[in-house]
Amino acid sequence: MNMLEQELARARMTEMQAQAEAATRARRLYLAHRAARRAERAVRRAARASAAVY
């Protein structure tokens, strides 16, 4: 019985670890997309400001 419990706990731990890694990956991807959008907006704003000067 004890061996079975250990095996179940190990399997659950592995599953939870995989879920945590997937969440971390998803968050990193989300943050990268957000940063890219912010950079795009900054480029457009700079282009507009530059055009307004001339």
N, C-alpha and C. Protein backbone atom coordinates (compact mmCIF):
# COMPACT_ATOMS: atom_id res chain seq x y z
N MET A 1 0.83 -1.21 0.00
CA MET A 1 0.00 0.00 0.00
C MET A 1 0.87 1.26 0.00
N ASN A 2 1.89 1.24 0.83
CA ASN A 2 2.78 2.40 0.93
C ASN A 2 3.47 2.69 -0.40
N MET A 3 3.88 1.62 -1.09
CA MET A 3 4.56 1.76 -2.36
C MET A 3 3.63 2.42 -3.39
N LEU A 4 2.37 2.02 -3.38
CA LEU A 4 1.38 2.57 -4.30
C LEU A 4 1.17 4.06 -4.02
N GLU A 5 1.08 4.43 -2.75
CA GLU A 5 0.92 5.83 -2.37
C GLU A 5 2.10 6.66 -2.85
N GLN A 6 3.29 6.12 -2.69
CA GLN A 6 4.49 6.84 -3.12
C GLN A 6 4.48 7.06 -4.63
N GLU A 7 4.09 6.01 -5.34
CA GLU A 7 4.04 6.10 -6.80
C GLU A 7 3.01 7.14 -7.25
N LEU A 8 1.85 7.15 -6.58
CA LEU A 8 0.81 8.14 -6.90
C LEU A 8 1.31 9.56 -6.62
N ALA A 9 1.96 9.72 -5.49
CA ALA A 9 2.47 11.04 -5.10
C ALA A 9 3.52 11.50 -6.12
N ARG A 10 4.38 10.58 -6.54
CA ARG A 10 5.41 10.93 -7.52
C ARG A 10 4.78 11.34 -8.85
N ALA A 11 3.77 10.59 -9.27
CA ALA A 11 3.08 10.89 -10.53
C ALA A 11 2.39 12.25 -10.45
N ARG A 12 1.75 12.53 -9.32
CA ARG A 12 1.05 13.80 -9.15
C ARG A 12 2.06 14.95 -9.15
N MET A 13 3.20 14.72 -8.49
CA MET A 13 4.24 15.75 -8.42
C MET A 13 4.76 16.07 -9.83
N THR A 14 5.00 15.03 -10.62
CA THR A 14 5.49 15.22 -11.99
C THR A 14 4.46 16.00 -12.81
N GLU A 15 3.19 15.65 -12.64
CA GLU A 15 2.12 16.31 -13.37
C GLU A 15 2.04 17.80 -12.98
N MET A 16 2.13 18.07 -11.69
CA MET A 16 2.06 19.45 -11.22
C MET A 16 3.27 20.25 -11.71
N GLN A 17 4.42 19.61 -11.76
CA GLN A 17 5.62 20.28 -12.24
C GLN A 17 5.46 20.66 -13.71
N ALA A 18 4.90 19.73 -14.49
CA ALA A 18 4.67 19.98 -15.91
C ALA A 18 3.70 21.14 -16.09
N GLN A 19 2.65 21.18 -15.28
CA GLN A 19 1.67 22.27 -15.36
C GLN A 19 2.33 23.61 -15.02
N ALA A 20 3.17 23.60 -13.98
CA ALA A 20 3.86 24.83 -13.58
C ALA A 20 4.78 25.33 -14.68
N GLU A 21 5.49 24.40 -15.32
CA GLU A 21 6.38 24.78 -16.42
C GLU A 21 5.59 25.36 -17.59
N ALA A 22 4.45 24.74 -17.90
CA ALA A 22 3.62 25.23 -18.99
C ALA A 22 3.11 26.63 -18.68
N ALA A 23 2.71 26.86 -17.44
CA ALA A 23 2.21 28.18 -17.03
C ALA A 23 3.32 29.22 -17.14
N THR A 24 4.53 28.84 -16.74
CA THR A 24 5.68 29.76 -16.82
C THR A 24 5.96 30.12 -18.27
N ARG A 25 5.93 29.09 -19.14
CA ARG A 25 6.15 29.33 -20.57
C ARG A 25 5.09 30.27 -21.14
N ALA A 26 3.84 30.02 -20.79
CA ALA A 26 2.73 30.83 -21.29
C ALA A 26 2.87 32.28 -20.83
N ARG A 27 3.27 32.44 -19.57
CA ARG A 27 3.43 33.80 -19.02
C ARG A 27 4.58 34.53 -19.73
N ARG A 28 5.68 33.81 -19.96
CA ARG A 28 6.82 34.42 -20.64
C ARG A 28 6.42 34.87 -22.05
N LEU A 29 5.65 34.01 -22.73
CA LEU A 29 5.20 34.33 -24.08
C LEU A 29 4.30 35.56 -24.05
N TYR A 30 3.38 35.60 -23.09
CA TYR A 30 2.46 36.74 -22.95
C TYR A 30 3.24 38.03 -22.70
N LEU A 31 4.22 37.97 -21.80
CA LEU A 31 5.02 39.16 -21.50
C LEU A 31 5.82 39.61 -22.71
N ALA A 32 6.34 38.66 -23.49
CA ALA A 32 7.10 39.00 -24.68
C ALA A 32 6.20 39.70 -25.70
N HIS A 33 4.99 39.19 -25.88
CA HIS A 33 4.05 39.82 -26.81
C HIS A 33 3.71 41.23 -26.36
N ARG A 34 3.50 41.39 -25.05
CA ARG A 34 3.16 42.70 -24.52
C ARG A 34 4.30 43.69 -24.75
N ALA A 35 5.52 43.25 -24.50
CA ALA A 35 6.69 44.11 -24.71
C ALA A 35 6.82 44.49 -26.18
N ALA A 36 6.56 43.54 -27.07
CA ALA A 36 6.65 43.81 -28.51
C ALA A 36 5.61 44.85 -28.92
N ARG A 37 4.39 44.72 -28.40
CA ARG A 37 3.34 45.70 -28.71
C ARG A 37 3.73 47.08 -28.20
N ARG A 38 4.27 47.12 -26.98
CA ARG A 38 4.68 48.40 -26.41
C ARG A 38 5.78 49.04 -27.26
N ALA A 39 6.72 48.24 -27.72
CA ALA A 39 7.81 48.75 -28.55
C ALA A 39 7.27 49.28 -29.88
N GLU A 40 6.31 48.55 -30.46
CA GLU A 40 5.70 49.00 -31.71
C GLU A 40 5.04 50.36 -31.54
N ARG A 41 4.30 50.50 -30.44
CA ARG A 41 3.63 51.78 -30.18
C ARG A 41 4.65 52.90 -30.01
N ALA A 42 5.75 52.61 -29.32
CA ALA A 42 6.79 53.62 -29.11
C ALA A 42 7.41 54.05 -30.44
N VAL A 43 7.62 53.09 -31.33
CA VAL A 43 8.19 53.41 -32.65
C VAL A 43 7.23 54.31 -33.41
N ARG A 44 5.94 53.97 -33.38
CA ARG A 44 4.96 54.80 -34.09
C ARG A 44 4.89 56.21 -33.51
N ARG A 45 4.93 56.29 -32.17
CA ARG A 45 4.87 57.58 -31.50
C ARG A 45 6.11 58.43 -31.89
N ALA A 46 7.28 57.79 -31.91
CA ALA A 46 8.51 58.49 -32.27
C ALA A 46 8.45 58.97 -33.72
N ALA A 47 7.88 58.14 -34.60
CA ALA A 47 7.76 58.52 -36.01
C ALA A 47 6.82 59.71 -36.15
N ARG A 48 5.73 59.70 -35.39
CA ARG A 48 4.79 60.83 -35.44
C ARG A 48 5.45 62.11 -34.92
N ALA A 49 6.17 61.98 -33.82
CA ALA A 49 6.84 63.14 -33.23
C ALA A 49 7.88 63.70 -34.21
N SER A 50 8.59 62.80 -34.87
CA SER A 50 9.61 63.20 -35.82
C SER A 50 8.95 63.92 -37.01
N ALA A 51 7.82 63.40 -37.46
CA ALA A 51 7.12 64.00 -38.60
C ALA A 51 6.56 65.37 -38.20
N ALA A 52 6.17 65.52 -36.94
CA ALA A 52 5.59 66.79 -36.47
C ALA A 52 6.67 67.87 -36.41
N VAL A 53 7.90 67.48 -36.18
CA VAL A 53 9.00 68.46 -36.07
C VAL A 53 9.29 69.08 -37.43
N TYR A 54 9.24 68.26 -38.48
CA TYR A 54 9.58 68.78 -39.82
C TYR A 54 8.42 69.44 -40.50
